[in-house]
Amino acid sequence: MDHNQHKTFRRRRRHKAVRGRVVGTPSRPRLAVYRSLKHIYVQVIDDLAGRTLAAASSRESGEVVKAGKTGNAGAAAEVGMLIAKRAQEAGVKAVAFDRGGFRYHGRIKALADAARKGGLSF
């Protein structure tokens, strides 16, 4: 197993541990985050119904990326504000944060802080 495979394996194991504690319900859906090298993706998920209520990513043209960079904390903050707006349009005020096995710093923290600033509580 090379280094990158090992990193992915460890992240998936951490994600399983997080998912053991975090469950999205209709009253408090799960805010799931995935971070790749170039982009960041986020979904608001009701696990009991198996439905995505809202989604946003840095791949959306125009709305998120003004300066052209998608893999930095600024883009993650824009995605956080966008998901907060879309979640509130779907009637969601409170969420359970699922960091996806990623450390809570950098882009993940920027997205979470922006979502809180946008009106979501978690």
C-alpha atoms as a PDB file:
ATOM      1  CA  MET A   1       0.000   0.000   0.000  1.00  0.00           C
ATOM      2  CA  ASP A   2       1.609   3.279  -1.067  1.00  0.00           C
ATOM      3  CA  HIS A   3       1.367   6.562   0.819  1.00  0.00           C
ATOM      4  CA  ASN A   4      -1.704   7.994  -0.966  1.00  0.00           C
ATOM      5  CA  GLN A   5      -3.680   4.766  -0.623  1.00  0.00           C
ATOM      6  CA  HIS A   6      -2.811   4.689   3.072  1.00  0.00           C
ATOM      7  CA  LYS A   7      -3.950   8.299   3.554  1.00  0.00           C
ATOM      8  CA  THR A   8      -7.265   7.538   1.829  1.00  0.00           C
ATOM      9  CA  PHE A   9      -7.734   4.390   3.906  1.00  0.00           C
ATOM     10  CA  ARG A  10      -7.155   6.294   7.154  1.00  0.00           C
ATOM     11  CA  ARG A  11      -9.517   9.102   6.101  1.00  0.00           C
ATOM     12  CA  ARG A  12     -12.258   6.586   5.277  1.00  0.00           C
ATOM     13  CA  ARG A  13     -11.770   4.890   8.641  1.00  0.00           C
ATOM     14  CA  ARG A  14     -12.073   8.263  10.423  1.00  0.00           C
ATOM     15  CA  HIS A  15     -15.176   9.028   8.342  1.00  0.00           C
ATOM     16  CA  LYS A  16     -16.791   5.774   9.498  1.00  0.00           C
ATOM     17  CA  ALA A  17     -16.164   6.814  13.101  1.00  0.00           C
ATOM     18  CA  VAL A  18     -17.715  10.242  12.474  1.00  0.00           C
ATOM     19  CA  ARG A  19     -20.722   8.660  10.704  1.00  0.00           C
ATOM     20  CA  GLY A  20     -21.263   6.401  13.700  1.00  0.00           C
ATOM     21  CA  ARG A  21     -22.000   9.520  15.726  1.00  0.00           C
ATOM     22  CA  VAL A  22     -23.582  11.838  13.129  1.00  0.00           C
ATOM     23  CA  VAL A  23     -26.978  10.979  11.619  1.00  0.00           C
ATOM     24  CA  GLY A  24     -29.096  13.340   9.538  1.00  0.00           C
ATOM     25  CA  THR A  25     -32.738  13.535  10.634  1.00  0.00           C
ATOM     26  CA  PRO A  26     -35.566  15.554   9.097  1.00  0.00           C
ATOM     27  CA  SER A  27     -35.318  18.138  11.906  1.00  0.00           C
ATOM     28  CA  ARG A  28     -31.488  18.232  11.865  1.00  0.00           C
ATOM     29  CA  PRO A  29     -30.043  16.970   8.558  1.00  0.00           C
ATOM     30  CA  ARG A  30     -26.370  16.133   8.045  1.00  0.00           C
ATOM     31  CA  LEU A  31     -24.078  18.690   6.410  1.00  0.00           C
ATOM     32  CA  ALA A  32     -21.617  16.388   4.595  1.00  0.00           C
ATOM     33  CA  VAL A  33     -18.352  17.819   3.245  1.00  0.00           C
ATOM     34  CA  TYR A  34     -15.940  16.328   0.714  1.00  0.00           C
ATOM     35  CA  ARG A  35     -12.639  18.011  -0.083  1.00  0.00           C
ATOM     36  CA  SER A  36     -10.589  17.153  -3.151  1.00  0.00           C
ATOM     37  CA  LEU A  37      -7.349  18.778  -4.236  1.00  0.00           C
ATOM     38  CA  LYS A  38      -9.082  21.217  -6.590  1.00  0.00           C
ATOM     39  CA  HIS A  39     -12.627  21.545  -5.218  1.00  0.00           C
ATOM     40  CA  ILE A  40     -14.882  21.302  -2.188  1.00  0.00           C
ATOM     41  CA  TYR A  41     -18.371  19.781  -2.207  1.00  0.00           C
ATOM     42  CA  VAL A  42     -21.123  19.962   0.411  1.00  0.00           C
ATOM     43  CA  GLN A  43     -24.586  18.424   0.757  1.00  0.00           C
ATOM     44  CA  VAL A  44     -27.412  18.710   3.287  1.00  0.00           C
ATOM     45  CA  ILE A  45     -28.745  15.155   3.674  1.00  0.00           C
ATOM     46  CA  ASP A  46     -31.757  13.654   5.446  1.00  0.00           C
ATOM     47  CA  ASP A  47     -30.429  10.140   6.128  1.00  0.00           C
ATOM     48  CA  LEU A  48     -33.767   8.735   7.302  1.00  0.00           C
ATOM     49  CA  ALA A  49     -35.482   9.613   4.018  1.00  0.00           C
ATOM     50  CA  GLY A  50     -32.280   9.026   2.003  1.00  0.00           C
ATOM     51  CA  ARG A  51     -32.622  12.404   0.317  1.00  0.00           C
ATOM     52  CA  THR A  52     -30.328  15.330  -0.463  1.00  0.00           C
ATOM     53  CA  LEU A  53     -32.096  18.562   0.503  1.00  0.00           C
ATOM     54  CA  ALA A  54     -29.481  21.017  -0.789  1.00  0.00           C
ATOM     55  CA  ALA A  55     -26.028  20.894  -2.392  1.00  0.00           C
ATOM     56  CA  ALA A  56     -23.259  23.247  -3.432  1.00  0.00           C
ATOM     57  CA  SER A  57     -19.706  22.969  -4.708  1.00  0.00           C
ATOM     58  CA  SER A  58     -16.800  25.043  -5.932  1.00  0.00           C
ATOM     59  CA  ARG A  59     -17.334  23.538  -9.409  1.00  0.00           C
ATOM     60  CA  GLU A  60     -20.414  25.673 -10.025  1.00  0.00           C
ATOM     61  CA  SER A  61     -19.466  28.266 -12.588  1.00  0.00           C
ATOM     62  CA  GLY A  62     -19.775  31.912 -11.709  1.00  0.00           C
ATOM     63  CA  GLU A  63     -21.444  31.717  -8.310  1.00  0.00           C
ATOM     64  CA  VAL A  64     -18.436  30.658  -6.255  1.00  0.00           C
ATOM     65  CA  VAL A  65     -15.291  31.379  -8.146  1.00  0.00           C
ATOM     66  CA  LYS A  66     -14.649  35.021  -8.887  1.00  0.00           C
ATOM     67  CA  ALA A  67     -10.842  34.939  -8.920  1.00  0.00           C
ATOM     68  CA  GLY A  68     -10.484  31.544 -10.580  1.00  0.00           C
ATOM     69  CA  LYS A  69      -9.151  29.619  -7.564  1.00  0.00           C
ATOM     70  CA  THR A  70     -11.317  26.723  -6.382  1.00  0.00           C
ATOM     71  CA  GLY A  71      -9.048  24.842  -3.974  1.00  0.00           C
ATOM     72  CA  ASN A  72      -8.487  27.494  -1.329  1.00  0.00           C
ATOM     73  CA  ALA A  73     -10.174  28.681   1.875  1.00  0.00           C
ATOM     74  CA  GLY A  74     -11.776  31.657   0.105  1.00  0.00           C
ATOM     75  CA  ALA A  75     -13.632  29.395  -2.313  1.00  0.00           C
ATOM     76  CA  ALA A  76     -14.624  27.111   0.580  1.00  0.00           C
ATOM     77  CA  ALA A  77     -16.089  30.113   2.418  1.00  0.00           C
ATOM     78  CA  GLU A  78     -18.111  31.059  -0.671  1.00  0.00           C
ATOM     79  CA  VAL A  79     -19.445  27.481  -0.860  1.00  0.00           C
ATOM     80  CA  GLY A  80     -20.328  27.702   2.855  1.00  0.00           C
ATOM     81  CA  MET A  81     -22.376  30.849   2.309  1.00  0.00           C
ATOM     82  CA  LEU A  82     -24.049  29.287  -0.741  1.00  0.00           C
ATOM     83  CA  ILE A  83     -25.038  26.092   1.101  1.00  0.00           C
ATOM     84  CA  ALA A  84     -26.408  28.131   4.021  1.00  0.00           C
ATOM     85  CA  LYS A  85     -28.609  30.097   1.607  1.00  0.00           C
ATOM     86  CA  ARG A  86     -29.821  26.971  -0.210  1.00  0.00           C
ATOM     87  CA  ALA A  87     -30.457  25.061   3.029  1.00  0.00           C
ATOM     88  CA  GLN A  88     -32.571  27.897   4.396  1.00  0.00           C
ATOM     89  CA  GLU A  89     -34.541  27.987   1.140  1.00  0.00           C
ATOM     90  CA  ALA A  90     -35.207  24.259   1.731  1.00  0.00           C
ATOM     91  CA  GLY A  91     -36.425  25.059   5.272  1.00  0.00           C
ATOM     92  CA  VAL A  92     -33.341  23.864   7.164  1.00  0.00           C
ATOM     93  CA  LYS A  93     -32.081  25.950  10.099  1.00  0.00           C
ATOM     94  CA  ALA A  94     -29.960  23.454  12.096  1.00  0.00           C
ATOM     95  CA  VAL A  95     -27.597  20.769  10.795  1.00  0.00           C
ATOM     96  CA  ALA A  96     -25.226  18.108  12.120  1.00  0.00           C
ATOM     97  CA  PHE A  97     -21.738  18.734  10.718  1.00  0.00           C
ATOM     98  CA  ASP A  98     -20.064  15.746   9.018  1.00  0.00           C
ATOM     99  CA  ARG A  99     -16.461  16.676   8.243  1.00  0.00           C
ATOM    100  CA  GLY A 100     -16.005  13.488   6.210  1.00  0.00           C
ATOM    101  CA  GLY A 101     -12.930  12.272   8.080  1.00  0.00           C
ATOM    102  CA  PHE A 102     -11.021  15.446   7.211  1.00  0.00           C
ATOM    103  CA  ARG A 103      -9.296  17.455   9.948  1.00  0.00           C
ATOM    104  CA  TYR A 104     -11.296  20.477  11.095  1.00  0.00           C
ATOM    105  CA  HIS A 105      -8.965  23.194   9.847  1.00  0.00           C
ATOM    106  CA  GLY A 106      -8.200  25.113   6.679  1.00  0.00           C
ATOM    107  CA  ARG A 107     -10.860  24.742   3.996  1.00  0.00           C
ATOM    108  CA  ILE A 108     -13.187  22.610   6.158  1.00  0.00           C
ATOM    109  CA  LYS A 109     -13.130  25.208   8.948  1.00  0.00           C
ATOM    110  CA  ALA A 110     -13.590  28.077   6.469  1.00  0.00           C
ATOM    111  CA  LEU A 111     -16.669  26.368   4.999  1.00  0.00           C
ATOM    112  CA  ALA A 112     -18.131  25.673   8.462  1.00  0.00           C
ATOM    113  CA  ASP A 113     -17.552  29.242   9.695  1.00  0.00           C
ATOM    114  CA  ALA A 114     -19.141  30.695   6.549  1.00  0.00           C
ATOM    115  CA  ALA A 115     -22.161  28.376   6.852  1.00  0.00           C
ATOM    116  CA  ARG A 116     -22.633  29.532  10.456  1.00  0.00           C
ATOM    117  CA  LYS A 117     -22.293  33.149   9.344  1.00  0.00           C
ATOM    118  CA  GLY A 118     -24.873  32.445   6.639  1.00  0.00           C
ATOM    119  CA  GLY A 119     -27.418  31.397   9.276  1.00  0.00           C
ATOM    120  CA  LEU A 120     -27.038  27.640   9.817  1.00  0.00           C
ATOM    121  CA  SER A 121     -26.628  26.462  13.405  1.00  0.00           C
ATOM    122  CA  PHE A 122     -24.436  23.492  14.362  1.00  0.00           C
END
